[in-house]
Amino acid sequence: MTNPQSQLSMSVIIPTYNAASHIGETLLSILNQGIEPNCIVVVNDGSTDSTEQAILETHEFHGIQYISTPNRGQGAARQLGISKVSSDYIFLCDSDDIWTPNHLQRKSQLLEQFPEADFTFSNCYSFGASSDGSHNLLDEAPPGWAEHQCEFGQDGFYIIRQPYLALLDFNPAYPSGVMFRRESYQRMGGFLEKYSRWIGEDSEFTRRFASLDDCVFVGDTQPTWGYRRHSSNYSAVQWKNIKAKADILEEHLRLGVVPPSYVGATCAERDATRGAAFDQACWEKASGHVADLFLELPPAQRTAKRRAKALLAKAGVFF
């Protein structure tokens, strides 16, 4: 690997918990980059398997900084790792994902084109036992999202015009594709431990980042990392993911995080998302949760059809 003197300093932060079977592959994908990061920090968040041994086998030969801490959740682990480095830019990577060999090179090219970028993210593909083999994250965007929300530059890079508003419709920023400016991270308050065990804690972080005034979000259409789909992913139960988005929006509204001009749109999205969570739970036949999800619906979302489904689920009869 090379580390050009002209390159701004970059650190990679990897939280891990019971990832002994995957962490080695993740680390090798980072070590095999064409550009060398200044520092790689792995935070072992209280693993109970052989994760530590797997990390140390790689760390011993490549100078990876290893930190072991009691289990406090991914957000807290990321926060701890970031506190140990002083780089201009911070990269995130989850311990079961992988980077393509040009991931850092593409980020460097992105910064050459958009030196003002505060927060950047890359497209991804999925792999693993639960993957369909053809998944591309940007394919999930609603029709017209890119045309209405983005301004495209050269080489597949694009800037999001109104980040907070755009992320209400679609969030293309998953942790393993994210890089952000340290200065902007400090300005937005960083990862907060209170959200560390929330489903979607990374989404909370991204939405809070997007709430900053004049924050520049830049994306890359080229898939430069792989998202591993497996049975232990937090995201395996979709209704919980959808509900988590509504809970985060509710929290940000309550705390005044939402920019004033977007409060109306955020309330509308929160309400619609609660309805979507209810519908998804019904589709997944999560009968033990449907009645409670119905109670969380705002009045406008309590349709006769949903009310009937909630009553049937409460009675133990499903559809």
Protein backbone atom coordinates (compact mmCIF):
# COMPACT_ATOMS: atom_id res chain seq x y z
CA MET A 1 0.00 0.00 0.00
CA THR A 2 1.04 3.59 -0.48
CA ASN A 3 0.31 6.68 1.53
CA PRO A 4 0.91 9.79 -0.59
CA GLN A 5 2.19 12.80 1.34
CA SER A 6 -0.46 14.93 -0.31
CA GLN A 7 -3.20 12.75 1.15
CA LEU A 8 -5.09 14.08 4.15
CA SER A 9 -4.84 11.86 7.21
CA MET A 10 -7.43 9.09 7.41
CA SER A 11 -8.36 6.66 10.20
CA VAL A 12 -10.62 3.60 10.05
CA ILE A 13 -12.80 2.70 13.04
CA ILE A 14 -14.14 -0.86 13.35
CA PRO A 15 -16.44 -1.83 16.25
CA THR A 16 -16.81 -5.56 16.71
CA TYR A 17 -18.81 -7.97 18.82
CA ASN A 18 -18.59 -11.77 18.47
CA ALA A 19 -17.32 -11.54 14.89
CA ALA A 20 -14.55 -14.13 15.05
CA SER A 21 -15.68 -15.75 11.80
CA HIS A 22 -15.71 -12.48 9.82
CA ILE A 23 -13.30 -9.93 11.33
CA GLY A 24 -10.22 -11.37 9.61
CA GLU A 25 -11.77 -10.98 6.15
CA THR A 26 -12.84 -7.44 7.02
CA LEU A 27 -9.36 -6.44 8.14
CA LEU A 28 -7.70 -7.96 5.09
CA SER A 29 -10.01 -6.00 2.79
CA ILE A 30 -8.87 -2.79 4.50
CA LEU A 31 -5.20 -3.75 4.51
CA ASN A 32 -5.38 -4.52 0.78
CA GLN A 33 -6.33 -0.97 -0.19
CA GLY A 34 -4.24 0.88 -2.77
CA ILE A 35 -4.03 3.83 -0.36
CA GLU A 36 -2.90 3.20 3.18
CA PRO A 37 -4.93 4.72 6.02
CA ASN A 38 -2.91 6.40 8.75
CA CYS A 39 -4.53 4.31 11.45
CA ILE A 40 -6.87 1.33 11.82
CA VAL A 41 -8.60 1.02 15.18
CA VAL A 42 -10.55 -2.10 16.17
CA VAL A 43 -12.75 -1.78 19.26
CA ASN A 44 -13.75 -5.15 20.73
CA ASP A 45 -17.09 -4.41 22.38
CA GLY A 46 -17.05 -7.17 24.99
CA SER A 47 -16.99 -10.18 22.67
CA THR A 48 -17.52 -13.58 24.29
CA ASP A 49 -16.17 -15.68 21.41
CA SER A 50 -12.65 -15.85 19.91
CA THR A 51 -12.89 -12.41 18.26
CA GLU A 52 -9.93 -11.11 20.26
CA GLN A 53 -7.67 -13.91 19.06
CA ALA A 54 -8.71 -13.33 15.44
CA ILE A 55 -7.94 -9.62 15.76
CA LEU A 56 -4.59 -10.12 17.46
CA GLU A 57 -3.44 -12.53 14.77
CA THR A 58 -3.79 -9.70 12.23
CA HIS A 59 -2.92 -6.80 14.53
CA GLU A 60 0.42 -8.35 15.43
CA PHE A 61 1.74 -8.04 11.88
CA HIS A 62 0.09 -4.85 10.65
CA GLY A 63 0.20 -2.39 13.55
CA ILE A 64 -3.57 -2.24 14.01
CA GLN A 65 -4.57 -0.42 17.19
CA TYR A 66 -6.65 -2.77 19.32
CA ILE A 67 -8.95 -1.67 22.15
CA SER A 68 -10.98 -4.00 24.38
CA THR A 69 -13.93 -2.62 26.32
CA PRO A 70 -16.98 -3.95 28.20
CA ASN A 71 -20.04 -4.28 25.98
CA ARG A 72 -21.81 -0.94 25.49
CA GLY A 73 -23.07 -1.19 21.92
CA GLN A 74 -21.76 -0.23 18.48
CA GLY A 75 -22.24 3.51 18.81
CA ALA A 76 -20.27 3.67 22.05
CA ALA A 77 -17.53 1.51 20.50
CA ARG A 78 -17.28 3.84 17.51
CA GLN A 79 -17.20 6.86 19.81
CA LEU A 80 -14.34 5.32 21.81
CA GLY A 81 -12.35 4.46 18.69
CA ILE A 82 -12.74 7.95 17.23
CA SER A 83 -11.56 9.49 20.50
CA LYS A 84 -8.22 7.69 20.08
CA VAL A 85 -7.30 9.20 16.70
CA SER A 86 -6.62 12.69 15.40
CA SER A 87 -7.04 12.23 11.66
CA ASP A 88 -8.67 14.78 9.37
CA TYR A 89 -11.13 12.16 8.10
CA ILE A 90 -12.80 9.21 9.81
CA PHE A 91 -13.89 6.05 7.99
CA LEU A 92 -16.34 3.55 9.48
CA CYS A 93 -16.48 -0.16 8.76
CA ASP A 94 -18.53 -2.86 10.46
CA SER A 95 -16.68 -6.02 11.39
CA ASP A 96 -18.64 -8.32 9.08
CA ASP A 97 -18.46 -6.17 5.94
CA ILE A 98 -15.68 -5.83 3.36
CA TRP A 99 -14.21 -3.07 1.20
CA THR A 100 -13.36 -3.46 -2.47
CA PRO A 101 -9.66 -2.74 -3.18
CA ASN A 102 -10.43 0.74 -4.57
CA HIS A 103 -12.62 1.97 -1.69
CA LEU A 104 -10.08 4.47 -0.30
CA GLN A 105 -8.97 5.47 -3.78
CA ARG A 106 -12.56 6.41 -4.68
CA LYS A 107 -12.85 8.45 -1.48
CA SER A 108 -9.66 10.28 -2.38
CA GLN A 109 -11.05 11.02 -5.86
CA LEU A 110 -14.31 12.19 -4.29
CA LEU A 111 -12.46 14.68 -2.09
CA GLU A 112 -10.51 16.00 -5.07
CA GLN A 113 -13.81 16.78 -6.77
CA PHE A 114 -15.69 17.89 -3.63
CA PRO A 115 -13.08 19.18 -1.13
CA GLU A 116 -15.88 20.85 0.83
CA ALA A 117 -17.53 17.50 1.66
CA ASP A 118 -18.41 17.02 5.35
CA PHE A 119 -20.02 13.58 5.10
CA THR A 120 -19.55 11.02 2.33
CA PHE A 121 -20.93 7.57 1.61
CA SER A 122 -20.59 4.87 -1.02
CA ASN A 123 -22.96 2.53 -2.78
CA CYS A 124 -22.71 -1.16 -1.87
CA TYR A 125 -23.58 -4.67 -2.95
CA SER A 126 -24.68 -7.48 -0.64
CA PHE A 127 -23.14 -10.91 -0.18
CA GLY A 128 -23.39 -13.83 2.20
CA ALA A 129 -25.81 -16.64 2.96
CA SER A 130 -28.91 -14.40 3.05
CA SER A 131 -28.04 -12.31 -0.02
CA ASP A 132 -29.75 -12.64 -3.38
CA GLY A 133 -26.52 -11.79 -5.18
CA SER A 134 -27.93 -8.88 -7.18
CA HIS A 135 -28.55 -6.32 -4.44
CA ASN A 136 -27.41 -2.76 -5.05
CA LEU A 137 -28.24 -0.21 -2.35
CA LEU A 138 -29.11 2.65 -4.71
CA ASP A 139 -31.63 0.42 -6.45
CA GLU A 140 -33.74 0.74 -3.29
CA ALA A 141 -34.16 4.51 -3.75
CA PRO A 142 -37.72 5.66 -4.50
CA PRO A 143 -38.40 6.52 -8.17
CA GLY A 144 -37.09 9.99 -8.97
CA TRP A 145 -35.11 10.33 -5.71
CA ALA A 146 -31.73 10.83 -7.41
CA GLU A 147 -33.10 13.23 -10.02
CA HIS A 148 -34.92 15.40 -7.47
CA GLN A 149 -32.48 15.30 -4.57
CA CYS A 150 -29.03 15.03 -6.15
CA GLU A 151 -26.67 16.95 -8.39
CA PHE A 152 -24.26 14.70 -10.26
CA GLY A 153 -20.64 15.55 -10.89
CA GLN A 154 -18.05 13.53 -12.75
CA ASP A 155 -17.09 9.87 -12.31
CA GLY A 156 -20.32 8.85 -10.57
CA PHE A 157 -20.08 11.20 -7.58
CA TYR A 158 -23.08 13.28 -6.54
CA ILE A 159 -23.94 15.94 -3.99
CA ILE A 160 -27.25 15.87 -2.10
CA ARG A 161 -28.89 19.29 -2.33
CA GLN A 162 -30.88 19.21 0.92
CA PRO A 163 -29.46 16.33 2.99
CA TYR A 164 -31.95 16.29 5.84
CA LEU A 165 -34.98 16.39 3.55
CA ALA A 166 -33.50 13.82 1.14
CA LEU A 167 -32.79 11.37 3.97
CA LEU A 168 -36.43 11.46 5.05
CA ASP A 169 -37.27 9.64 1.80
CA PHE A 170 -34.20 7.40 1.51
CA ASN A 171 -31.01 6.88 3.47
CA PRO A 172 -28.10 5.69 1.27
CA ALA A 173 -25.47 6.07 4.02
CA TYR A 174 -24.69 2.73 5.69
CA PRO A 175 -21.77 2.69 8.16
CA SER A 176 -19.23 0.67 6.16
CA GLY A 177 -19.41 3.15 3.29
CA VAL A 178 -19.23 6.30 5.40
CA MET A 179 -16.39 8.80 5.75
CA PHE A 180 -16.73 12.17 7.46
CA ARG A 181 -14.66 15.19 8.38
CA ARG A 182 -13.48 15.13 11.99
CA GLU A 183 -14.18 18.83 12.44
CA SER A 184 -17.81 18.37 11.35
CA TYR A 185 -18.15 15.27 13.56
CA GLN A 186 -17.13 17.31 16.59
CA ARG A 187 -19.52 20.10 15.62
CA MET A 188 -22.53 17.75 15.42
CA GLY A 189 -21.79 16.09 18.77
CA GLY A 190 -20.50 12.70 17.59
CA PHE A 191 -21.92 9.30 18.45
CA LEU A 192 -24.06 9.42 21.60
CA GLU A 193 -24.00 6.41 23.90
CA LYS A 194 -27.69 6.81 24.75
CA TYR A 195 -28.51 5.53 21.24
CA SER A 196 -25.85 2.84 21.18
CA ARG A 197 -28.29 -0.06 21.59
CA TRP A 198 -31.08 1.39 19.48
CA ILE A 199 -31.89 -0.43 16.25
CA GLY A 200 -30.83 2.05 13.61
CA GLU A 201 -28.35 3.88 15.86
CA ASP A 202 -26.23 4.57 12.77
CA SER A 203 -29.26 6.14 11.08
CA GLU A 204 -29.77 8.39 14.11
CA PHE A 205 -26.17 9.55 13.73
CA THR A 206 -26.56 10.22 10.00
CA ARG A 207 -29.80 12.17 10.42
CA ARG A 208 -28.29 14.27 13.20
CA PHE A 209 -25.27 14.96 10.97
CA ALA A 210 -27.61 16.05 8.17
CA SER A 211 -29.34 18.51 10.50
CA LEU A 212 -26.20 20.68 10.63
CA ASP A 213 -26.42 24.00 8.81
CA ASP A 214 -24.62 23.97 5.45
CA CYS A 215 -23.50 20.36 5.84
CA VAL A 216 -22.26 18.97 2.52
CA PHE A 217 -23.24 15.33 1.80
CA VAL A 218 -21.55 13.63 -1.15
CA GLY A 219 -22.22 10.11 -2.44
CA ASP A 220 -20.57 7.63 -4.79
CA THR A 221 -22.70 5.57 -7.16
CA GLN A 222 -19.98 2.94 -7.54
CA PRO A 223 -20.34 0.00 -5.11
CA THR A 224 -17.05 -0.03 -3.20
CA TRP A 225 -17.99 -2.19 -0.24
CA GLY A 226 -19.93 -5.34 0.51
CA TYR A 227 -22.72 -5.64 3.05
CA ARG A 228 -22.81 -9.13 4.52
CA ARG A 229 -26.34 -10.44 5.00
CA HIS A 230 -26.67 -13.16 7.64
CA SER A 231 -29.12 -14.38 10.25
CA SER A 232 -27.68 -12.31 13.11
CA ASN A 233 -27.94 -8.94 11.33
CA TYR A 234 -29.92 -6.40 13.31
CA SER A 235 -31.69 -5.63 10.06
CA ALA A 236 -33.07 -9.14 9.54
CA VAL A 237 -36.57 -8.23 10.86
CA GLN A 238 -37.77 -5.43 8.62
CA TRP A 239 -40.70 -4.14 10.69
CA LYS A 240 -38.28 -3.35 13.53
CA ASN A 241 -36.08 -1.38 11.12
CA ILE A 242 -39.07 0.62 9.92
CA LYS A 243 -40.29 1.28 13.46
CA ALA A 244 -36.77 2.36 14.45
CA LYS A 245 -36.87 5.11 11.83
CA ALA A 246 -40.14 6.44 13.26
CA ASP A 247 -38.73 6.30 16.81
CA ILE A 248 -35.62 8.23 15.75
CA LEU A 249 -37.67 10.91 13.99
CA GLU A 250 -39.88 11.20 17.09
CA GLU A 251 -36.80 11.57 19.28
CA HIS A 252 -35.29 14.24 17.06
CA LEU A 253 -38.55 16.16 16.98
CA ARG A 254 -38.77 16.01 20.77
CA LEU A 255 -35.19 17.23 21.23
CA GLY A 256 -35.35 19.99 18.63
CA VAL A 257 -32.77 18.35 16.36
CA VAL A 258 -34.96 18.73 13.27
CA PRO A 259 -34.33 21.99 11.36
CA PRO A 260 -37.41 24.21 11.86
CA SER A 261 -38.22 24.37 8.15
CA TYR A 262 -38.45 20.55 8.02
CA VAL A 263 -40.59 19.91 11.11
CA GLY A 264 -43.80 19.48 9.09
CA ALA A 265 -42.20 17.07 6.64
CA THR A 266 -40.61 15.13 9.50
CA CYS A 267 -43.92 14.77 11.35
CA ALA A 268 -45.59 13.52 8.18
CA GLU A 269 -42.79 11.02 7.54
CA ARG A 270 -42.85 9.81 11.14
CA ASP A 271 -46.59 9.14 10.95
CA ALA A 272 -46.38 7.41 7.57
CA THR A 273 -43.46 5.30 8.81
CA ARG A 274 -45.44 4.10 11.83
CA GLY A 275 -48.13 2.96 9.44
CA ALA A 276 -45.55 1.19 7.28
CA ALA A 277 -44.10 -0.56 10.36
CA PHE A 278 -47.57 -1.85 11.28
CA ASP A 279 -48.20 -3.12 7.75
CA GLN A 280 -44.81 -4.83 7.58
CA ALA A 281 -45.33 -6.52 10.96
CA CYS A 282 -48.65 -7.86 9.68
CA TRP A 283 -46.98 -9.15 6.53
CA GLU A 284 -44.25 -10.82 8.63
CA LYS A 285 -46.97 -12.28 10.89
CA ALA A 286 -45.42 -10.72 14.00
CA SER A 287 -48.71 -11.25 15.83
CA GLY A 288 -47.24 -10.58 19.26
CA HIS A 289 -46.40 -7.01 18.25
CA VAL A 290 -49.19 -5.94 15.91
CA ALA A 291 -51.62 -4.78 18.63
CA ASP A 292 -48.96 -2.63 20.31
CA LEU A 293 -47.89 -1.15 16.99
CA PHE A 294 -51.51 -0.21 16.30
CA LEU A 295 -51.61 1.75 19.57
CA GLU A 296 -48.60 3.78 18.40
CA LEU A 297 -50.34 4.81 15.19
CA PRO A 298 -51.49 8.44 14.96
CA PRO A 299 -55.27 8.80 14.44
CA ALA A 300 -54.98 9.40 10.69
CA GLN A 301 -53.15 6.07 10.29
CA ARG A 302 -55.76 4.02 12.23
CA THR A 303 -57.76 2.84 9.24
CA ALA A 304 -60.61 0.35 9.59
CA LYS A 305 -58.51 -2.33 7.90
CA ARG A 306 -55.62 -1.83 10.30
CA ARG A 307 -57.96 -1.79 13.29
CA ALA A 308 -59.43 -5.12 12.19
CA LYS A 309 -55.98 -6.65 11.79
CA ALA A 310 -54.98 -5.45 15.27
CA LEU A 311 -58.10 -6.99 16.82
CA LEU A 312 -57.50 -10.30 15.03
CA ALA A 313 -53.86 -10.37 16.10
CA LYS A 314 -54.83 -9.61 19.71
CA ALA A 315 -57.29 -12.51 19.60
CA GLY A 316 -54.57 -14.80 18.29
CA VAL A 317 -56.14 -15.11 14.89
CA PHE A 318 -53.90 -14.13 12.01
CA PHE A 319 -54.57 -13.46 8.37
